[in-house]
Amino acid sequence: MMIVETDLHLNPQHPAYDQSAVQTLISAAQEYIGANMAGPASVRLVSTRSGEF
């Protein structure tokens, strides 16, 4: 498992949520896994924004 901490808002209901930026982050994580990890893997995004999970 790879955990990615980000300062992006991950809650789609938040006014500052940026779907394009979140999708770009997910794509980058998937590319990294594809190039550097063998076998199945998962990615967990964690927002460092206060009170957001």
N, C-alpha and C. Protein backbone atom coordinates (compact mmCIF):
# COMPACT_ATOMS: atom_id res chain seq x y z
N MET A 1 0.84 -1.17 0.00
CA MET A 1 0.00 0.00 0.00
C MET A 1 0.88 1.24 0.00
N MET A 2 0.46 2.22 -0.76
CA MET A 2 1.16 3.50 -0.79
C MET A 2 0.20 4.55 -0.24
N ILE A 3 0.67 5.33 0.73
CA ILE A 3 -0.13 6.41 1.29
C ILE A 3 0.44 7.72 0.77
N VAL A 4 -0.43 8.53 0.19
CA VAL A 4 -0.02 9.81 -0.37
C VAL A 4 -0.71 10.91 0.44
N GLU A 5 0.09 11.72 1.10
CA GLU A 5 -0.45 12.88 1.82
C GLU A 5 -0.43 14.08 0.89
N THR A 6 -1.53 14.84 0.91
CA THR A 6 -1.66 15.98 0.01
C THR A 6 -2.36 17.13 0.73
N ASP A 7 -2.10 18.33 0.28
CA ASP A 7 -2.82 19.47 0.83
C ASP A 7 -4.07 19.80 0.00
N LEU A 8 -4.38 18.94 -0.96
CA LEU A 8 -5.61 19.11 -1.73
C LEU A 8 -6.82 18.73 -0.89
N HIS A 9 -7.94 19.38 -1.15
CA HIS A 9 -9.19 18.95 -0.53
C HIS A 9 -9.66 17.72 -1.30
N LEU A 10 -10.00 16.65 -0.58
CA LEU A 10 -10.41 15.40 -1.21
C LEU A 10 -11.92 15.19 -1.15
N ASN A 11 -12.60 16.05 -0.44
CA ASN A 11 -14.05 15.96 -0.31
C ASN A 11 -14.70 16.73 -1.47
N PRO A 12 -15.41 16.02 -2.36
CA PRO A 12 -16.02 16.70 -3.50
C PRO A 12 -17.05 17.76 -3.10
N GLN A 13 -17.53 17.72 -1.87
CA GLN A 13 -18.51 18.70 -1.41
C GLN A 13 -17.85 20.01 -0.97
N HIS A 14 -16.53 20.01 -0.80
CA HIS A 14 -15.83 21.21 -0.35
C HIS A 14 -15.72 22.19 -1.52
N PRO A 15 -15.93 23.49 -1.27
CA PRO A 15 -15.87 24.47 -2.35
C PRO A 15 -14.50 24.57 -3.03
N ALA A 16 -13.42 24.19 -2.33
CA ALA A 16 -12.08 24.28 -2.91
C ALA A 16 -11.63 22.97 -3.57
N TYR A 17 -12.54 21.99 -3.64
CA TYR A 17 -12.21 20.71 -4.28
C TYR A 17 -11.88 20.94 -5.74
N ASP A 18 -10.76 20.37 -6.19
CA ASP A 18 -10.32 20.51 -7.57
C ASP A 18 -10.20 19.11 -8.18
N GLN A 19 -11.24 18.70 -8.87
CA GLN A 19 -11.30 17.35 -9.42
C GLN A 19 -10.13 17.06 -10.35
N SER A 20 -9.76 18.02 -11.16
CA SER A 20 -8.65 17.82 -12.09
C SER A 20 -7.34 17.56 -11.34
N ALA A 21 -7.08 18.33 -10.29
CA ALA A 21 -5.85 18.15 -9.52
C ALA A 21 -5.84 16.80 -8.81
N VAL A 22 -6.98 16.39 -8.28
CA VAL A 22 -7.06 15.08 -7.60
C VAL A 22 -6.83 13.96 -8.61
N GLN A 23 -7.43 14.06 -9.78
CA GLN A 23 -7.24 13.04 -10.81
C GLN A 23 -5.79 12.98 -11.27
N THR A 24 -5.15 14.13 -11.38
CA THR A 24 -3.73 14.17 -11.75
C THR A 24 -2.89 13.47 -10.69
N LEU A 25 -3.18 13.71 -9.42
CA LEU A 25 -2.46 13.06 -8.34
C LEU A 25 -2.66 11.55 -8.38
N ILE A 26 -3.89 11.11 -8.59
CA ILE A 26 -4.17 9.67 -8.68
C ILE A 26 -3.41 9.04 -9.84
N SER A 27 -3.42 9.70 -10.99
CA SER A 27 -2.70 9.18 -12.16
C SER A 27 -1.20 9.07 -11.90
N ALA A 28 -0.64 10.08 -11.25
CA ALA A 28 0.79 10.05 -10.94
C ALA A 28 1.12 8.90 -9.98
N ALA A 29 0.27 8.68 -8.99
CA ALA A 29 0.49 7.59 -8.04
C ALA A 29 0.39 6.24 -8.76
N GLN A 30 -0.58 6.09 -9.66
CA GLN A 30 -0.72 4.85 -10.40
C GLN A 30 0.48 4.60 -11.30
N GLU A 31 0.98 5.63 -11.94
CA GLU A 31 2.17 5.48 -12.78
C GLU A 31 3.38 5.07 -11.95
N TYR A 32 3.53 5.67 -10.78
CA TYR A 32 4.65 5.33 -9.89
C TYR A 32 4.56 3.86 -9.48
N ILE A 33 3.38 3.43 -9.09
CA ILE A 33 3.20 2.03 -8.69
C ILE A 33 3.53 1.11 -9.85
N GLY A 34 3.03 1.44 -11.03
CA GLY A 34 3.29 0.60 -12.20
C GLY A 34 4.76 0.46 -12.51
N ALA A 35 5.53 1.51 -12.26
CA ALA A 35 6.96 1.50 -12.58
C ALA A 35 7.84 0.96 -11.45
N ASN A 36 7.34 0.98 -10.21
CA ASN A 36 8.21 0.68 -9.08
C ASN A 36 7.77 -0.44 -8.14
N MET A 37 6.58 -0.96 -8.32
CA MET A 37 6.10 -2.00 -7.41
C MET A 37 5.65 -3.21 -8.21
N ALA A 38 5.94 -4.36 -7.68
CA ALA A 38 5.52 -5.60 -8.34
C ALA A 38 4.26 -6.13 -7.65
N GLY A 39 3.36 -6.67 -8.42
CA GLY A 39 2.14 -7.25 -7.86
C GLY A 39 1.09 -6.21 -7.57
N PRO A 40 -0.01 -6.68 -7.00
CA PRO A 40 -1.11 -5.75 -6.71
C PRO A 40 -0.73 -4.74 -5.63
N ALA A 41 -1.24 -3.55 -5.77
CA ALA A 41 -0.97 -2.50 -4.79
C ALA A 41 -2.18 -1.58 -4.72
N SER A 42 -2.28 -0.86 -3.64
CA SER A 42 -3.36 0.11 -3.51
C SER A 42 -2.78 1.44 -3.07
N VAL A 43 -3.54 2.49 -3.34
CA VAL A 43 -3.12 3.85 -3.00
C VAL A 43 -4.18 4.44 -2.08
N ARG A 44 -3.72 5.08 -1.03
CA ARG A 44 -4.65 5.80 -0.14
C ARG A 44 -4.23 7.26 -0.13
N LEU A 45 -5.18 8.12 -0.48
CA LEU A 45 -4.93 9.55 -0.43
C LEU A 45 -5.39 10.08 0.92
N VAL A 46 -4.54 10.89 1.54
CA VAL A 46 -4.84 11.47 2.85
C VAL A 46 -4.64 12.98 2.74
N SER A 47 -5.68 13.73 3.07
CA SER A 47 -5.57 15.18 3.04
C SER A 47 -4.96 15.67 4.36
N THR A 48 -4.04 16.60 4.25
CA THR A 48 -3.44 17.19 5.45
C THR A 48 -4.23 18.42 5.90
N ARG A 49 -5.34 18.69 5.23
CA ARG A 49 -6.21 19.80 5.61
C ARG A 49 -6.86 19.47 6.94
N SER A 50 -6.91 20.40 7.82
CA SER A 50 -7.50 20.21 9.14
C SER A 50 -8.95 19.76 9.05
N GLY A 51 -9.25 18.65 9.70
CA GLY A 51 -10.62 18.18 9.78
C GLY A 51 -11.13 17.45 8.55
N GLU A 52 -10.30 17.21 7.58
CA GLU A 52 -10.75 16.52 6.36
C GLU A 52 -10.14 15.15 6.28
N PHE A 53 -10.96 14.18 5.93
CA PHE A 53 -10.50 12.80 5.80
C PHE A 53 -10.80 12.29 4.41
